[in-house]
Amino acid sequence: MMPEKSQGGLLARLQNLSGCQYLSDLHSPFYIDDIIYAVRTVSISSYSMGEWEEAFRYITGVRMEFRSKDELIKNLILRLEENREL
């Protein structure tokens, strides 16, 4: 069984789980459903708030502050779902 926290950090884990060949594919609308799946699959507690904030900024291109990881995850999924509909 693969450990939850893989080398390369959270972004690499999301890339792997979503099937993106390149890290930059995390910006691609083509992978939105796969990225949402990956975000829901990763154990929130396995990564620091800083790592989650970095992932949020990288994927959305938006810098925001959140009170909790749960709030960040909900906001990330909401933004991804909104982009899927465009």
N, C-alpha and C. Protein backbone atom coordinates (compact mmCIF):
# COMPACT_ATOMS: atom_id res chain seq x y z
N MET A 1 0.84 -1.18 0.00
CA MET A 1 0.00 0.00 0.00
C MET A 1 0.88 1.24 0.00
N MET A 2 0.53 2.21 -0.83
CA MET A 2 1.32 3.43 -0.95
C MET A 2 1.04 4.36 0.22
N PRO A 3 2.08 4.97 0.80
CA PRO A 3 1.83 5.91 1.89
C PRO A 3 1.06 7.11 1.40
N GLU A 4 0.26 7.69 2.30
CA GLU A 4 -0.58 8.83 1.94
C GLU A 4 0.25 10.01 1.49
N LYS A 5 1.32 10.29 2.20
CA LYS A 5 2.13 11.47 1.90
C LYS A 5 3.29 11.04 1.02
N SER A 6 3.20 11.31 -0.26
CA SER A 6 4.22 10.89 -1.21
C SER A 6 5.28 11.97 -1.36
N GLN A 7 6.43 11.59 -1.91
CA GLN A 7 7.48 12.56 -2.16
C GLN A 7 6.98 13.56 -3.18
N GLY A 8 7.42 14.80 -3.02
CA GLY A 8 7.01 15.84 -3.95
C GLY A 8 5.90 16.69 -3.40
N GLY A 9 5.30 16.28 -2.31
CA GLY A 9 4.29 17.10 -1.67
C GLY A 9 2.89 16.93 -2.23
N LEU A 10 2.03 17.82 -1.79
CA LEU A 10 0.61 17.75 -2.12
C LEU A 10 0.35 17.92 -3.61
N LEU A 11 0.99 18.89 -4.25
CA LEU A 11 0.76 19.10 -5.68
C LEU A 11 1.11 17.85 -6.49
N ALA A 12 2.22 17.22 -6.16
CA ALA A 12 2.61 15.99 -6.86
C ALA A 12 1.59 14.89 -6.62
N ARG A 13 1.07 14.82 -5.40
CA ARG A 13 0.05 13.80 -5.06
C ARG A 13 -1.22 14.05 -5.87
N LEU A 14 -1.65 15.30 -5.95
CA LEU A 14 -2.85 15.63 -6.73
C LEU A 14 -2.63 15.34 -8.21
N GLN A 15 -1.44 15.63 -8.70
CA GLN A 15 -1.10 15.34 -10.09
C GLN A 15 -1.22 13.85 -10.35
N ASN A 16 -0.65 13.06 -9.45
CA ASN A 16 -0.66 11.61 -9.60
C ASN A 16 -2.08 11.05 -9.55
N LEU A 17 -2.84 11.46 -8.54
CA LEU A 17 -4.21 10.94 -8.38
C LEU A 17 -5.15 11.35 -9.50
N SER A 18 -4.91 12.51 -10.08
CA SER A 18 -5.80 12.99 -11.14
C SER A 18 -5.39 12.49 -12.52
N GLY A 19 -4.25 11.83 -12.59
CA GLY A 19 -3.80 11.29 -13.87
C GLY A 19 -3.19 12.31 -14.79
N CYS A 20 -2.83 13.46 -14.26
CA CYS A 20 -2.19 14.50 -15.06
C CYS A 20 -0.74 14.10 -15.35
N GLN A 21 -0.34 14.21 -16.61
CA GLN A 21 1.02 13.87 -16.97
C GLN A 21 2.00 14.92 -16.44
N TYR A 22 1.59 16.17 -16.49
CA TYR A 22 2.44 17.27 -16.05
C TYR A 22 1.76 18.04 -14.93
N LEU A 23 2.55 18.64 -14.06
CA LEU A 23 2.00 19.45 -12.98
C LEU A 23 1.15 20.58 -13.54
N SER A 24 1.57 21.15 -14.64
CA SER A 24 0.81 22.25 -15.26
C SER A 24 -0.58 21.81 -15.75
N ASP A 25 -0.79 20.50 -15.90
CA ASP A 25 -2.12 20.00 -16.29
C ASP A 25 -3.16 20.27 -15.20
N LEU A 26 -2.70 20.58 -13.97
CA LEU A 26 -3.64 20.90 -12.90
C LEU A 26 -4.38 22.21 -13.19
N HIS A 27 -3.95 22.95 -14.20
CA HIS A 27 -4.63 24.17 -14.65
C HIS A 27 -5.64 23.87 -15.76
N SER A 28 -5.61 22.69 -16.32
CA SER A 28 -6.39 22.37 -17.52
C SER A 28 -7.84 22.03 -17.21
N PRO A 29 -8.78 22.69 -17.90
CA PRO A 29 -10.20 22.36 -17.72
C PRO A 29 -10.50 20.90 -18.05
N PHE A 30 -9.69 20.29 -18.91
CA PHE A 30 -9.89 18.90 -19.30
C PHE A 30 -9.85 17.95 -18.09
N TYR A 31 -9.07 18.30 -17.08
CA TYR A 31 -8.85 17.43 -15.92
C TYR A 31 -9.68 17.80 -14.70
N ILE A 32 -10.60 18.75 -14.82
CA ILE A 32 -11.31 19.26 -13.64
C ILE A 32 -11.96 18.15 -12.82
N ASP A 33 -12.70 17.25 -13.45
CA ASP A 33 -13.35 16.18 -12.70
C ASP A 33 -12.32 15.29 -11.99
N ASP A 34 -11.21 15.04 -12.66
CA ASP A 34 -10.16 14.21 -12.08
C ASP A 34 -9.48 14.93 -10.90
N ILE A 35 -9.31 16.23 -11.02
CA ILE A 35 -8.70 17.01 -9.94
C ILE A 35 -9.64 17.05 -8.73
N ILE A 36 -10.93 17.24 -8.98
CA ILE A 36 -11.91 17.21 -7.88
C ILE A 36 -11.85 15.86 -7.18
N TYR A 37 -11.80 14.78 -7.94
CA TYR A 37 -11.67 13.45 -7.35
C TYR A 37 -10.42 13.36 -6.48
N ALA A 38 -9.30 13.86 -7.00
CA ALA A 38 -8.04 13.80 -6.27
C ALA A 38 -8.12 14.59 -4.97
N VAL A 39 -8.69 15.78 -5.02
CA VAL A 39 -8.82 16.62 -3.82
C VAL A 39 -9.67 15.91 -2.78
N ARG A 40 -10.73 15.26 -3.21
CA ARG A 40 -11.61 14.54 -2.27
C ARG A 40 -10.96 13.26 -1.73
N THR A 41 -10.01 12.72 -2.45
CA THR A 41 -9.36 11.47 -2.07
C THR A 41 -8.25 11.66 -1.05
N VAL A 42 -7.51 12.74 -1.17
CA VAL A 42 -6.37 12.99 -0.29
C VAL A 42 -6.85 13.27 1.12
N SER A 43 -6.16 12.70 2.08
CA SER A 43 -6.46 12.95 3.48
C SER A 43 -6.05 14.39 3.81
N ILE A 44 -7.02 15.19 4.22
CA ILE A 44 -6.76 16.60 4.50
C ILE A 44 -5.67 16.75 5.56
N SER A 45 -5.70 15.91 6.56
CA SER A 45 -4.76 16.04 7.69
C SER A 45 -3.33 15.63 7.33
N SER A 46 -3.13 14.99 6.20
CA SER A 46 -1.80 14.55 5.82
C SER A 46 -0.89 15.68 5.35
N TYR A 47 -1.47 16.84 5.09
CA TYR A 47 -0.71 17.97 4.58
C TYR A 47 -1.00 19.21 5.41
N SER A 48 -0.02 20.08 5.49
CA SER A 48 -0.15 21.30 6.29
C SER A 48 -1.07 22.31 5.60
N MET A 49 -1.51 23.28 6.37
CA MET A 49 -2.32 24.37 5.82
C MET A 49 -1.53 25.09 4.73
N GLY A 50 -0.24 25.29 4.95
CA GLY A 50 0.60 25.94 3.95
C GLY A 50 0.63 25.19 2.63
N GLU A 51 0.71 23.86 2.70
CA GLU A 51 0.72 23.05 1.47
C GLU A 51 -0.62 23.15 0.75
N TRP A 52 -1.72 23.14 1.53
CA TRP A 52 -3.04 23.28 0.91
C TRP A 52 -3.21 24.67 0.28
N GLU A 53 -2.71 25.70 0.95
CA GLU A 53 -2.80 27.05 0.39
C GLU A 53 -1.98 27.16 -0.90
N GLU A 54 -0.81 26.54 -0.91
CA GLU A 54 0.02 26.53 -2.12
C GLU A 54 -0.70 25.82 -3.26
N ALA A 55 -1.32 24.70 -2.97
CA ALA A 55 -2.06 23.95 -3.99
C ALA A 55 -3.24 24.78 -4.50
N PHE A 56 -3.95 25.43 -3.59
CA PHE A 56 -5.09 26.27 -3.99
C PHE A 56 -4.62 27.36 -4.94
N ARG A 57 -3.53 28.05 -4.57
CA ARG A 57 -2.99 29.13 -5.42
C ARG A 57 -2.56 28.59 -6.77
N TYR A 58 -1.88 27.44 -6.77
CA TYR A 58 -1.37 26.89 -8.02
C TYR A 58 -2.52 26.48 -8.96
N ILE A 59 -3.51 25.83 -8.41
CA ILE A 59 -4.61 25.32 -9.24
C ILE A 59 -5.54 26.43 -9.70
N THR A 60 -5.85 27.37 -8.83
CA THR A 60 -6.83 28.41 -9.17
C THR A 60 -6.21 29.70 -9.67
N GLY A 61 -4.96 29.95 -9.31
CA GLY A 61 -4.32 31.21 -9.66
C GLY A 61 -4.75 32.35 -8.75
N VAL A 62 -5.43 32.03 -7.64
CA VAL A 62 -5.97 33.02 -6.72
C VAL A 62 -5.31 32.84 -5.35
N ARG A 63 -4.90 33.96 -4.75
CA ARG A 63 -4.32 33.92 -3.40
C ARG A 63 -5.42 34.33 -2.42
N MET A 64 -5.74 33.42 -1.52
CA MET A 64 -6.76 33.68 -0.50
C MET A 64 -6.29 33.12 0.82
N GLU A 65 -6.85 33.64 1.89
CA GLU A 65 -6.58 33.09 3.22
C GLU A 65 -7.84 32.39 3.71
N PHE A 66 -7.63 31.28 4.40
CA PHE A 66 -8.73 30.49 4.91
C PHE A 66 -8.55 30.24 6.39
N ARG A 67 -9.65 30.06 7.09
CA ARG A 67 -9.60 29.78 8.53
C ARG A 67 -9.29 28.33 8.82
N SER A 68 -9.60 27.46 7.87
CA SER A 68 -9.39 26.03 8.09
C SER A 68 -9.14 25.32 6.76
N LYS A 69 -8.60 24.12 6.86
CA LYS A 69 -8.39 23.31 5.67
C LYS A 69 -9.73 22.93 5.05
N ASP A 70 -10.72 22.65 5.89
CA ASP A 70 -12.05 22.29 5.37
C ASP A 70 -12.63 23.42 4.52
N GLU A 71 -12.50 24.65 5.00
CA GLU A 71 -12.99 25.80 4.25
C GLU A 71 -12.25 25.93 2.91
N LEU A 72 -10.94 25.71 2.94
CA LEU A 72 -10.14 25.78 1.72
C LEU A 72 -10.58 24.72 0.72
N ILE A 73 -10.74 23.50 1.18
CA ILE A 73 -11.14 22.39 0.29
C ILE A 73 -12.50 22.68 -0.34
N LYS A 74 -13.45 23.12 0.46
CA LYS A 74 -14.78 23.43 -0.07
C LYS A 74 -14.70 24.52 -1.13
N ASN A 75 -13.90 25.55 -0.87
CA ASN A 75 -13.75 26.64 -1.82
C ASN A 75 -13.06 26.18 -3.09
N LEU A 76 -12.05 25.34 -2.95
CA LEU A 76 -11.33 24.82 -4.12
C LEU A 76 -12.26 24.00 -5.00
N ILE A 77 -13.02 23.10 -4.40
CA ILE A 77 -13.95 22.27 -5.18
C ILE A 77 -15.01 23.14 -5.85
N LEU A 78 -15.54 24.12 -5.13
CA LEU A 78 -16.54 25.03 -5.70
C LEU A 78 -15.98 25.77 -6.91
N ARG A 79 -14.76 26.29 -6.80
CA ARG A 79 -14.14 27.01 -7.92
C ARG A 79 -13.91 26.08 -9.11
N LEU A 80 -13.46 24.86 -8.84
CA LEU A 80 -13.27 23.91 -9.92
C LEU A 80 -14.59 23.57 -10.61
N GLU A 81 -15.65 23.36 -9.82
CA GLU A 81 -16.96 23.05 -10.40
C GLU A 81 -17.48 24.22 -11.22
N GLU A 82 -17.25 25.44 -10.77
CA GLU A 82 -17.68 26.62 -11.53
C GLU A 82 -16.93 26.71 -12.86
N ASN A 83 -15.65 26.40 -12.85
CA ASN A 83 -14.85 26.43 -14.09
C ASN A 83 -15.26 25.32 -15.04
N ARG A 84 -15.74 24.22 -14.52
CA ARG A 84 -16.19 23.11 -15.36
C ARG A 84 -17.41 23.54 -16.18
N GLU A 85 -18.21 24.40 -15.61
CA GLU A 85 -19.45 24.81 -16.26
C GLU A 85 -19.23 25.91 -17.31
N LEU A 86 -18.04 26.49 -17.37
CA LEU A 86 -17.80 27.57 -18.34
C LEU A 86 -17.59 27.04 -19.74
